[in-house]
C-alpha atoms as a PDB file:
ATOM      1  CA  MET A   1      94.113 -21.413  83.891  1.00  0.00           C
ATOM      2  CA  THR A   2      90.448 -22.036  83.091  1.00  0.00           C
ATOM      3  CA  LEU A   3      88.545 -21.927  79.859  1.00  0.00           C
ATOM      4  CA  VAL A   4      85.627 -19.664  79.574  1.00  0.00           C
ATOM      5  CA  CYS A   5      83.566 -22.255  77.909  1.00  0.00           C
ATOM      6  CA  PRO A   6      83.327 -24.948  80.804  1.00  0.00           C
ATOM      7  CA  GLY A   7      81.860 -27.953  79.020  1.00  0.00           C
ATOM      8  CA  LEU A   8      78.490 -27.807  80.657  1.00  0.00           C
ATOM      9  CA  ASN A   9      76.606 -25.285  78.155  1.00  0.00           C
ATOM     10  CA  VAL A  10      72.943 -25.674  77.304  1.00  0.00           C
ATOM     11  CA  LEU A  11      71.961 -24.848  73.998  1.00  0.00           C
ATOM     12  CA  PRO A  12      69.958 -21.479  73.423  1.00  0.00           C
ATOM     13  CA  MET A  13      66.343 -21.830  74.401  1.00  0.00           C
ATOM     14  CA  ASP A  14      65.017 -21.006  70.721  1.00  0.00           C
ATOM     15  CA  THR A  15      67.195 -23.594  68.978  1.00  0.00           C
ATOM     16  CA  LEU A  16      64.244 -25.007  67.684  1.00  0.00           C
ATOM     17  CA  GLY A  17      62.239 -21.857  67.304  1.00  0.00           C
ATOM     18  CA  GLN A  18      61.474 -23.073  63.697  1.00  0.00           C
ATOM     19  CA  ALA A  19      59.467 -26.274  64.829  1.00  0.00           C
ATOM     20  CA  SER A  20      55.859 -26.095  65.420  1.00  0.00           C
ATOM     21  CA  LEU A  21      53.474 -28.588  66.739  1.00  0.00           C
ATOM     22  CA  GLY A  22      49.708 -28.542  66.508  1.00  0.00           C
ATOM     23  CA  GLY A  23      47.347 -28.057  69.372  1.00  0.00           C
ATOM     24  CA  THR A  24      47.286 -25.108  71.943  1.00  0.00           C
ATOM     25  CA  HIS A  25      46.751 -26.720  75.359  1.00  0.00           C
ATOM     26  CA  GLY A  26      45.361 -23.172  76.682  1.00  0.00           C
ATOM     27  CA  ALA A  27      47.825 -21.177  74.927  1.00  0.00           C
ATOM     28  CA  ALA A  28      47.226 -17.652  73.458  1.00  0.00           C
ATOM     29  CA  ALA A  29      45.546 -17.836  69.936  1.00  0.00           C
ATOM     30  CA  GLY A  30      48.330 -19.036  67.342  1.00  0.00           C
ATOM     31  CA  GLU A  31      50.651 -20.062  69.772  1.00  0.00           C
ATOM     32  CA  SER A  32      51.972 -23.767  69.180  1.00  0.00           C
ATOM     33  CA  LEU A  33      52.431 -25.924  72.080  1.00  0.00           C
ATOM     34  CA  LEU A  34      55.913 -26.094  71.594  1.00  0.00           C
ATOM     35  CA  ASP A  35      56.292 -22.361  71.588  1.00  0.00           C
ATOM     36  CA  ARG A  36      53.832 -22.203  74.625  1.00  0.00           C
ATOM     37  CA  GLY A  37      56.629 -24.431  76.245  1.00  0.00           C
ATOM     38  CA  LYS A  38      59.656 -22.412  75.178  1.00  0.00           C
ATOM     39  CA  ARG A  39      57.685 -19.367  76.648  1.00  0.00           C
ATOM     40  CA  LEU A  40      57.016 -21.102  79.890  1.00  0.00           C
ATOM     41  CA  GLU A  41      60.761 -21.990  79.889  1.00  0.00           C
ATOM     42  CA  ARG A  42      61.824 -18.484  79.369  1.00  0.00           C
ATOM     43  CA  GLU A  43      59.541 -17.134  82.092  1.00  0.00           C
ATOM     44  CA  GLY A  44      61.137 -19.669  84.712  1.00  0.00           C
ATOM     45  CA  LEU A  45      57.839 -21.615  84.940  1.00  0.00           C
ATOM     46  CA  LEU A  46      59.754 -25.213  84.576  1.00  0.00           C
ATOM     47  CA  ARG A  47      57.173 -27.513  86.681  1.00  0.00           C
ATOM     48  CA  GLU A  48      54.560 -26.009  84.083  1.00  0.00           C
ATOM     49  CA  ALA A  49      56.655 -26.479  81.221  1.00  0.00           C
ATOM     50  CA  GLU A  50      57.735 -30.154  82.173  1.00  0.00           C
ATOM     51  CA  GLU A  51      53.905 -30.852  82.770  1.00  0.00           C
ATOM     52  CA  LEU A  52      53.061 -29.483  79.533  1.00  0.00           C
ATOM     53  CA  TYR A  53      55.808 -31.556  77.508  1.00  0.00           C
ATOM     54  CA  ARG A  54      54.821 -34.879  79.624  1.00  0.00           C
ATOM     55  CA  SER A  55      51.122 -34.271  79.032  1.00  0.00           C
ATOM     56  CA  ALA A  56      51.748 -33.947  74.992  1.00  0.00           C
ATOM     57  CA  LEU A  57      54.205 -36.898  75.037  1.00  0.00           C
ATOM     58  CA  ALA A  58      51.726 -39.095  76.686  1.00  0.00           C
ATOM     59  CA  GLY A  59      49.868 -39.146  73.102  1.00  0.00           C
ATOM     60  CA  ASP A  60      50.211 -41.765  70.377  1.00  0.00           C
ATOM     61  CA  GLN A  61      52.827 -39.775  68.212  1.00  0.00           C
ATOM     62  CA  PRO A  62      55.868 -39.207  70.322  1.00  0.00           C
ATOM     63  CA  ASP A  63      57.742 -36.167  69.092  1.00  0.00           C
ATOM     64  CA  PRO A  64      61.583 -35.933  69.430  1.00  0.00           C
ATOM     65  CA  ARG A  65      61.188 -32.168  69.586  1.00  0.00           C
ATOM     66  CA  LEU A  66      59.099 -32.326  72.785  1.00  0.00           C
ATOM     67  CA  HIS A  67      61.828 -34.875  74.428  1.00  0.00           C
ATOM     68  CA  TYR A  68      64.362 -32.204  73.629  1.00  0.00           C
ATOM     69  CA  ARG A  69      62.330 -29.671  75.282  1.00  0.00           C
ATOM     70  CA  LEU A  70      61.662 -31.782  78.219  1.00  0.00           C
ATOM     71  CA  GLY A  71      65.457 -32.793  78.570  1.00  0.00           C
ATOM     72  CA  CYS A  72      66.288 -28.888  78.654  1.00  0.00           C
ATOM     73  CA  THR A  73      63.816 -28.335  81.310  1.00  0.00           C
ATOM     74  CA  TYR A  74      65.188 -31.063  83.374  1.00  0.00           C
ATOM     75  CA  LEU A  75      68.776 -29.653  82.863  1.00  0.00           C
ATOM     76  CA  LYS A  76      67.647 -26.179  83.738  1.00  0.00           C
ATOM     77  CA  LYS A  77      65.955 -27.627  87.139  1.00  0.00           C
ATOM     78  CA  GLY A  78      69.399 -29.444  87.756  1.00  0.00           C
ATOM     79  CA  ASP A  79      68.030 -33.043  87.195  1.00  0.00           C
ATOM     80  CA  ALA A  80      70.931 -34.215  85.066  1.00  0.00           C
ATOM     81  CA  GLY A  81      69.768 -38.035  85.285  1.00  0.00           C
ATOM     82  CA  ALA A  82      66.133 -37.203  83.840  1.00  0.00           C
ATOM     83  CA  ALA A  83      67.529 -34.919  81.209  1.00  0.00           C
ATOM     84  CA  GLU A  84      69.789 -37.854  79.795  1.00  0.00           C
ATOM     85  CA  GLN A  85      66.534 -40.089  79.760  1.00  0.00           C
ATOM     86  CA  ALA A  86      64.814 -37.474  77.797  1.00  0.00           C
ATOM     87  CA  PHE A  87      67.462 -36.634  75.544  1.00  0.00           C
ATOM     88  CA  ARG A  88      68.084 -40.409  74.826  1.00  0.00           C
ATOM     89  CA  ALA A  89      64.363 -40.502  73.929  1.00  0.00           C
ATOM     90  CA  ALA A  90      64.983 -37.570  71.375  1.00  0.00           C
ATOM     91  CA  VAL A  91      67.931 -39.214  69.830  1.00  0.00           C
ATOM     92  CA  GLU A  92      66.102 -42.816  69.646  1.00  0.00           C
ATOM     93  CA  LEU A  93      63.608 -40.971  67.474  1.00  0.00           C
ATOM     94  CA  GLU A  94      65.885 -38.816  65.568  1.00  0.00           C
ATOM     95  CA  PRO A  95      69.606 -40.299  65.628  1.00  0.00           C
ATOM     96  CA  ASP A  96      71.490 -37.521  63.487  1.00  0.00           C
ATOM     97  CA  GLU A  97      69.991 -34.419  65.047  1.00  0.00           C
ATOM     98  CA  PRO A  98      73.257 -32.844  66.460  1.00  0.00           C
ATOM     99  CA  ARG A  99      71.379 -30.507  69.082  1.00  0.00           C
ATOM    100  CA  TYR A 100      69.798 -33.624  70.832  1.00  0.00           C
ATOM    101  CA  LEU A 101      73.238 -35.352  70.947  1.00  0.00           C
ATOM    102  CA  THR A 102      74.762 -31.985  72.153  1.00  0.00           C
ATOM    103  CA  ASN A 103      72.534 -31.749  75.078  1.00  0.00           C
ATOM    104  CA  LEU A 104      72.956 -35.514  75.833  1.00  0.00           C
ATOM    105  CA  GLY A 105      76.760 -34.852  76.134  1.00  0.00           C
ATOM    106  CA  VAL A 106      75.958 -31.846  78.603  1.00  0.00           C
ATOM    107  CA  ALA A 107      73.885 -34.038  80.517  1.00  0.00           C
ATOM    108  CA  LEU A 108      76.430 -37.146  80.662  1.00  0.00           C
ATOM    109  CA  ASP A 109      79.078 -34.435  81.509  1.00  0.00           C
ATOM    110  CA  ARG A 110      76.913 -33.024  84.386  1.00  0.00           C
ATOM    111  CA  LEU A 111      76.463 -36.719  85.496  1.00  0.00           C
ATOM    112  CA  GLY A 112      80.313 -36.898  85.650  1.00  0.00           C
ATOM    113  CA  ARG A 113      80.325 -39.511  82.539  1.00  0.00           C
ATOM    114  CA  ARG A 114      83.160 -37.502  80.785  1.00  0.00           C
ATOM    115  CA  ASP A 115      83.780 -40.666  78.290  1.00  0.00           C
ATOM    116  CA  ASP A 116      79.990 -40.989  77.358  1.00  0.00           C
ATOM    117  CA  ALA A 117      79.773 -37.297  76.999  1.00  0.00           C
ATOM    118  CA  VAL A 118      82.848 -36.928  74.770  1.00  0.00           C
ATOM    119  CA  ARG A 119      81.328 -39.969  72.579  1.00  0.00           C
ATOM    120  CA  ALA A 120      78.090 -37.995  72.507  1.00  0.00           C
ATOM    121  CA  TYR A 121      79.707 -34.365  71.466  1.00  0.00           C
ATOM    122  CA  LYS A 122      81.926 -36.586  68.470  1.00  0.00           C
ATOM    123  CA  ARG A 123      78.360 -37.979  67.046  1.00  0.00           C
ATOM    124  CA  ALA A 124      77.145 -34.448  67.283  1.00  0.00           C
ATOM    125  CA  THR A 125      79.976 -33.001  65.091  1.00  0.00           C
ATOM    126  CA  ARG A 126      79.561 -35.543  62.467  1.00  0.00           C
ATOM    127  CA  HIS A 127      75.810 -34.511  61.578  1.00  0.00           C
ATOM    128  CA  ASN A 128      75.583 -31.269  59.656  1.00  0.00           C
ATOM    129  CA  GLY A 129      78.831 -29.744  60.905  1.00  0.00           C
ATOM    130  CA  GLY A 130      77.764 -30.158  64.592  1.00  0.00           C
ATOM    131  CA  THR A 131      76.903 -27.432  66.768  1.00  0.00           C
ATOM    132  CA  VAL A 132      79.058 -24.519  68.345  1.00  0.00           C
ATOM    133  CA  VAL A 133      78.368 -26.078  71.892  1.00  0.00           C
ATOM    134  CA  ALA A 134      79.549 -29.671  70.804  1.00  0.00           C
ATOM    135  CA  HIS A 135      82.646 -28.295  69.368  1.00  0.00           C
ATOM    136  CA  HIS A 136      83.416 -25.819  72.286  1.00  0.00           C
ATOM    137  CA  ASN A 137      82.942 -28.121  74.951  1.00  0.00           C
ATOM    138  CA  LEU A 138      85.264 -30.836  73.404  1.00  0.00           C
ATOM    139  CA  GLY A 139      87.665 -28.392  73.076  1.00  0.00           C
ATOM    140  CA  ALA A 140      87.202 -27.497  76.656  1.00  0.00           C
ATOM    141  CA  ILE A 141      87.706 -31.185  77.628  1.00  0.00           C
ATOM    142  CA  TYR A 142      90.586 -31.993  75.443  1.00  0.00           C
ATOM    143  CA  ALA A 143      92.454 -28.689  76.939  1.00  0.00           C
ATOM    144  CA  GLU A 144      91.766 -29.846  80.377  1.00  0.00           C
ATOM    145  CA  GLN A 145      93.489 -33.234  79.273  1.00  0.00           C
ATOM    146  CA  GLY A 146      96.283 -31.747  77.989  1.00  0.00           C
ATOM    147  CA  LEU A 147      95.297 -32.728  74.468  1.00  0.00           C
ATOM    148  CA  MET A 148      96.216 -29.397  72.759  1.00  0.00           C
ATOM    149  CA  GLU A 149      96.179 -30.337  69.201  1.00  0.00           C
ATOM    150  CA  GLU A 150      92.503 -31.656  69.503  1.00  0.00           C
ATOM    151  CA  ALA A 151      91.563 -28.981  71.625  1.00  0.00           C
ATOM    152  CA  VAL A 152      92.974 -26.461  68.737  1.00  0.00           C
ATOM    153  CA  ARG A 153      90.964 -28.337  66.202  1.00  0.00           C
ATOM    154  CA  SER A 154      87.713 -28.492  68.137  1.00  0.00           C
ATOM    155  CA  PHE A 155      87.725 -24.702  68.976  1.00  0.00           C
ATOM    156  CA  ALA A 156      88.870 -23.732  65.468  1.00  0.00           C
ATOM    157  CA  ALA A 157      85.643 -25.806  64.120  1.00  0.00           C
ATOM    158  CA  ALA A 158      83.378 -23.791  66.828  1.00  0.00           C
ATOM    159  CA  ILE A 159      84.666 -20.581  65.424  1.00  0.00           C
ATOM    160  CA  ALA A 160      84.074 -21.634  61.690  1.00  0.00           C
ATOM    161  CA  LEU A 161      80.448 -22.326  62.691  1.00  0.00           C
ATOM    162  CA  GLU A 162      80.088 -19.270  64.676  1.00  0.00           C
ATOM    163  CA  PRO A 163      82.952 -16.777  65.102  1.00  0.00           C
ATOM    164  CA  ASP A 164      82.638 -15.048  68.393  1.00  0.00           C
ATOM    165  CA  ALA A 165      84.693 -13.575  71.209  1.00  0.00           C
ATOM    166  CA  GLU A 166      84.547 -16.700  73.500  1.00  0.00           C
ATOM    167  CA  GLY A 167      85.474 -18.818  70.710  1.00  0.00           C
ATOM    168  CA  HIS A 168      88.716 -17.084  69.924  1.00  0.00           C
ATOM    169  CA  HIS A 169      89.417 -16.631  73.249  1.00  0.00           C
ATOM    170  CA  ASN A 170      89.257 -20.386  74.260  1.00  0.00           C
ATOM    171  CA  LEU A 171      91.473 -20.940  71.302  1.00  0.00           C
ATOM    172  CA  GLY A 172      93.842 -18.143  72.225  1.00  0.00           C
ATOM    173  CA  LEU A 173      94.159 -19.681  75.636  1.00  0.00           C
ATOM    174  CA  VAL A 174      95.273 -23.325  74.080  1.00  0.00           C
ATOM    175  CA  HIS A 175      98.059 -21.468  72.202  1.00  0.00           C
ATOM    176  CA  TYR A 176      98.799 -19.250  75.582  1.00  0.00           C
ATOM    177  CA  ARG A 177      99.278 -22.383  77.451  1.00  0.00           C
ATOM    178  CA  ASN A 178     101.445 -23.822  74.928  1.00  0.00           C
ATOM    179  CA  ASP A 179     103.836 -20.617  75.233  1.00  0.00           C
ATOM    180  CA  ASP A 180     102.885 -19.743  71.762  1.00  0.00           C
ATOM    181  CA  PHE A 181     102.185 -16.076  72.466  1.00  0.00           C
ATOM    182  CA  VAL A 182     102.112 -14.713  69.071  1.00  0.00           C
ATOM    183  CA  ARG A 183      99.219 -16.980  68.161  1.00  0.00           C
ATOM    184  CA  ALA A 184      97.636 -16.590  71.277  1.00  0.00           C
ATOM    185  CA  LEU A 185      97.620 -12.628  70.896  1.00  0.00           C
ATOM    186  CA  GLU A 186      96.016 -13.257  67.201  1.00  0.00           C
ATOM    187  CA  HIS A 187      93.148 -14.641  68.778  1.00  0.00           C
ATOM    188  CA  PHE A 188      92.541 -12.574  71.637  1.00  0.00           C
ATOM    189  CA  ARG A 189      92.771  -9.677  69.507  1.00  0.00           C
ATOM    190  CA  GLN A 190      90.188 -11.202  67.261  1.00  0.00           C
ATOM    191  CA  ALA A 191      88.058 -11.981  70.292  1.00  0.00           C
ATOM    192  CA  VAL A 192      87.999  -8.132  71.203  1.00  0.00           C
ATOM    193  CA  GLY A 193      87.410  -7.419  67.367  1.00  0.00           C
ATOM    194  CA  CYS A 194      84.033  -9.705  67.762  1.00  0.00           C
ATOM    195  CA  ASP A 195      83.588  -7.873  71.162  1.00  0.00           C
ATOM    196  CA  PRO A 196      85.109  -4.504  72.109  1.00  0.00           C
ATOM    197  CA  GLY A 197      83.706  -4.632  75.640  1.00  0.00           C
ATOM    198  CA  TYR A 198      85.191  -8.214  76.307  1.00  0.00           C
ATOM    199  CA  ALA A 199      87.270  -7.429  79.148  1.00  0.00           C
ATOM    200  CA  VAL A 200      89.028 -10.654  79.705  1.00  0.00           C
ATOM    201  CA  GLY A 201      90.016 -10.631  75.804  1.00  0.00           C
ATOM    202  CA  HIS A 202      91.793  -7.257  76.731  1.00  0.00           C
ATOM    203  CA  TYR A 203      93.344  -8.711  79.850  1.00  0.00           C
ATOM    204  CA  TYR A 204      94.802 -11.622  77.699  1.00  0.00           C
ATOM    205  CA  CYS A 205      96.188  -9.543  75.257  1.00  0.00           C
ATOM    206  CA  GLY A 206      97.861  -7.608  77.817  1.00  0.00           C
ATOM    207  CA  LEU A 207      99.279 -10.672  79.080  1.00  0.00           C
ATOM    208  CA  CYS A 208     100.858 -11.780  75.535  1.00  0.00           C
ATOM    209  CA  GLN A 209     102.046  -8.181  74.807  1.00  0.00           C
ATOM    210  CA  MET A 210     104.023  -8.542  78.122  1.00  0.00           C
ATOM    211  CA  LYS A 211     105.327 -12.161  77.388  1.00  0.00           C
ATOM    212  CA  THR A 212     106.867 -10.761  74.203  1.00  0.00           C
ATOM    213  CA  GLY A 213     108.476  -7.521  75.524  1.00  0.00           C
ATOM    214  CA  ASN A 214     105.810  -4.950  74.216  1.00  0.00           C
ATOM    215  CA  TYR A 215     105.077  -3.324  77.455  1.00  0.00           C
ATOM    216  CA  ALA A 216     103.629  -0.148  76.265  1.00  0.00           C
ATOM    217  CA  ALA A 217     101.061  -1.882  74.189  1.00  0.00           C
ATOM    218  CA  ALA A 218     100.465  -4.376  77.391  1.00  0.00           C
ATOM    219  CA  ALA A 219     100.052  -1.309  79.603  1.00  0.00           C
ATOM    220  CA  LYS A 220      97.146   0.205  76.909  1.00  0.00           C
ATOM    221  CA  ASP A 221      95.563  -3.466  76.916  1.00  0.00           C
ATOM    222  CA  PHE A 222      95.441  -3.848  80.927  1.00  0.00           C
ATOM    223  CA  ARG A 223      94.103  -0.151  81.149  1.00  0.00           C
ATOM    224  CA  ARG A 224      91.288  -1.130  78.839  1.00  0.00           C
ATOM    225  CA  ALA A 225      90.462  -4.526  80.869  1.00  0.00           C
ATOM    226  CA  TRP A 226      90.350  -2.712  84.116  1.00  0.00           C
ATOM    227  CA  GLN A 227      88.077   0.262  83.043  1.00  0.00           C
ATOM    228  CA  LEU A 228      85.755  -2.551  81.622  1.00  0.00           C
ATOM    229  CA  ASP A 229      86.016  -5.194  84.652  1.00  0.00           C
ATOM    230  CA  ALA A 230      87.323  -4.211  87.833  1.00  0.00           C
ATOM    231  CA  ARG A 231      86.962  -7.716  88.923  1.00  0.00           C
ATOM    232  CA  LEU A 232      89.971  -8.872  87.091  1.00  0.00           C
ATOM    233  CA  THR A 233      91.913  -7.972  90.391  1.00  0.00           C
ATOM    234  CA  ARG A 234      95.122  -9.187  88.881  1.00  0.00           C
ATOM    235  CA  THR A 235      95.312  -6.341  86.193  1.00  0.00           C
ATOM    236  CA  PRO A 236      96.871  -3.817  88.806  1.00  0.00           C
ATOM    237  CA  PHE A 237      99.923  -5.958  89.561  1.00  0.00           C
ATOM    238  CA  TYR A 238     100.607  -6.700  85.819  1.00  0.00           C
ATOM    239  CA  LEU A 239     100.086  -3.129  84.744  1.00  0.00           C
ATOM    240  CA  GLY A 240     102.303  -1.769  87.394  1.00  0.00           C
ATOM    241  CA  CYS A 241     105.147  -4.441  86.197  1.00  0.00           C
ATOM    242  CA  CYS A 242     104.426  -2.771  82.708  1.00  0.00           C
ATOM    243  CA  LEU A 243     104.742   0.801  83.792  1.00  0.00           C
ATOM    244  CA  HIS A 244     107.939  -0.211  86.100  1.00  0.00           C
ATOM    245  CA  LYS A 245     109.568  -1.467  82.679  1.00  0.00           C
ATOM    246  CA  LEU A 246     108.629   1.943  81.214  1.00  0.00           C
ATOM    247  CA  GLU A 247     110.157   3.816  84.077  1.00  0.00           C
ATOM    248  CA  SER A 248     106.621   5.229  85.316  1.00  0.00           C
ATOM    249  CA  PHE A 249     107.841   4.474  88.733  1.00  0.00           C
ATOM    250  CA  THR A 250     105.532   6.316  90.637  1.00  0.00           C
ATOM    251  CA  GLU A 251     102.137   5.202  88.977  1.00  0.00           C
ATOM    252  CA  ALA A 252     103.765   1.780  89.205  1.00  0.00           C
ATOM    253  CA  HIS A 253     104.262   2.017  92.912  1.00  0.00           C
ATOM    254  CA  ARG A 254     100.535   3.342  93.180  1.00  0.00           C
ATOM    255  CA  LEU A 255      99.185   0.421  91.167  1.00  0.00           C
ATOM    256  CA  LEU A 256     101.274  -2.198  93.148  1.00  0.00           C
ATOM    257  CA  GLU A 257     100.142  -1.154  96.258  1.00  0.00           C
ATOM    258  CA  GLN A 258      96.432  -1.420  95.130  1.00  0.00           C
ATOM    259  CA  ALA A 259      97.322  -4.955  93.819  1.00  0.00           C
ATOM    260  CA  LEU A 260      98.553  -5.960  97.388  1.00  0.00           C
ATOM    261  CA  GLU A 261      95.268  -4.949  98.851  1.00  0.00           C
ATOM    262  CA  SER A 262      93.406  -7.652  97.306  1.00  0.00           C
ATOM    263  CA  PHE A 263      96.739 -10.206  97.534  1.00  0.00           C
ATOM    264  CA  PRO A 264      98.481  -8.906 100.731  1.00  0.00           C
ATOM    265  CA  ASP A 265     100.596 -12.144 100.944  1.00  0.00           C
ATOM    266  CA  ASP A 266     101.648 -12.486  97.074  1.00  0.00           C
ATOM    267  CA  GLY A 267     105.422 -12.729  97.077  1.00  0.00           C
ATOM    268  CA  ARG A 268     105.393 -11.627  93.614  1.00  0.00           C
ATOM    269  CA  ILE A 269     103.574  -8.175  94.209  1.00  0.00           C
ATOM    270  CA  HIS A 270     106.055  -7.702  97.063  1.00  0.00           C
ATOM    271  CA  TYR A 271     109.181  -8.298  95.029  1.00  0.00           C
ATOM    272  CA  GLN A 272     107.910  -6.070  92.133  1.00  0.00           C
ATOM    273  CA  LEU A 273     106.872  -3.462  94.488  1.00  0.00           C
ATOM    274  CA  ALA A 274     110.325  -3.690  96.397  1.00  0.00           C
ATOM    275  CA  LEU A 275     111.982  -3.012  92.813  1.00  0.00           C
ATOM    276  CA  THR A 276     109.750  -0.021  92.264  1.00  0.00           C
ATOM    277  CA  CYS A 277     110.492   1.407  95.704  1.00  0.00           C
ATOM    278  CA  ASP A 278     114.225   0.863  95.229  1.00  0.00           C
ATOM    279  CA  ALA A 279     113.842   2.828  91.428  1.00  0.00           C
ATOM    280  CA  LEU A 280     111.993   5.686  93.725  1.00  0.00           C
ATOM    281  CA  GLY A 281     114.832   5.790  96.339  1.00  0.00           C
ATOM    282  CA  LEU A 282     112.241   4.290  99.099  1.00  0.00           C
ATOM    283  CA  HIS A 283     115.075   1.724 100.154  1.00  0.00           C
ATOM    284  CA  PRO A 284     113.413   1.125 103.834  1.00  0.00           C
ATOM    285  CA  GLU A 285     109.946   0.275 102.117  1.00  0.00           C
ATOM    286  CA  ALA A 286     111.870  -1.666  99.634  1.00  0.00           C
ATOM    287  CA  ARG A 287     113.555  -3.748 102.252  1.00  0.00           C
ATOM    288  CA  THR A 288     110.381  -4.589 103.823  1.00  0.00           C
ATOM    289  CA  HIS A 289     108.712  -5.679 100.642  1.00  0.00           C
ATOM    290  CA  TYR A 290     111.901  -8.030 100.039  1.00  0.00           C
ATOM    291  CA  ALA A 291     111.636  -9.623 103.174  1.00  0.00           C
ATOM    292  CA  ARG A 292     107.769 -10.281 102.577  1.00  0.00           C
ATOM    293  CA  ALA A 293     108.532 -11.377  99.129  1.00  0.00           C
ATOM    294  CA  GLY A 294     110.545 -14.219 100.394  1.00  0.00           C
ATOM    295  CA  SER A 295     107.850 -15.456 102.841  1.00  0.00           C
ATOM    296  CA  GLY A 296     104.913 -14.981 100.802  1.00  0.00           C
ATOM    297  CA  SER A 297     103.081 -17.058  98.534  1.00  0.00           C
ATOM    298  CA  ARG A 298     103.318 -16.984  94.513  1.00  0.00           C
ATOM    299  CA  GLY A 299     100.276 -15.722  92.987  1.00  0.00           C
ATOM    300  CA  ARG A 300      99.094 -16.833  89.543  1.00  0.00           C
END
């Protein structure tokens, strides 16, 4: 199981949108240097943005905002080492700015320096409430390390700053991993409440409903998830299992056959299909799937 938020998030490009620097450097009338740089970033002109920031930083008045934007540009170019140096320069000038500390953590994480990244994220969370990204990324790291209580606290802090579908979903995943399906379901429901089109949230609502034996509600959630995103290729299997429990064997058979197209060697699918075939009186077909179930893999 993976978390939606992978611990390598870059803060939104307009995080410092309210900041303004003098000078136009060839920009349109009224456009500040910083605004021009961010526009170049949005347009994908990263080399030009880098040159603009570096030229401005060659002056006598270093500005942490320029170091920060330069670091963001390096991250987008895939140069985490240069990004680290730029973010460190920003932090040296403004040590308590959580946005600078957060993206320093991101750069360190990309360099494989996980412990240093955690320290940067923690510093970010101690100032002005931190950033959503710092809390999310800490939560993702703690979850990967099996530190579930710490993960819950971090994701809850992120949600307190900015309630959104991914935040609730990640917190739901931690509870799900702990087999606390009731609390997990609460957060998955809140995720789809924030974003009704959040397909993976509906999918996990269905999984929790299955785990607690509410197959009719689970089937409804799986249908919604499948309608929103056909890339959730396990959905036909779980929906088929629910429909089998609800004794809708014909539709269950069709869906399990569909699941088998995506995972032809999955022993669980063969076994469930064998049960459904038996329920339909298709005993020769059932025997075939029972045999395949014993030799197949076990999907996730």
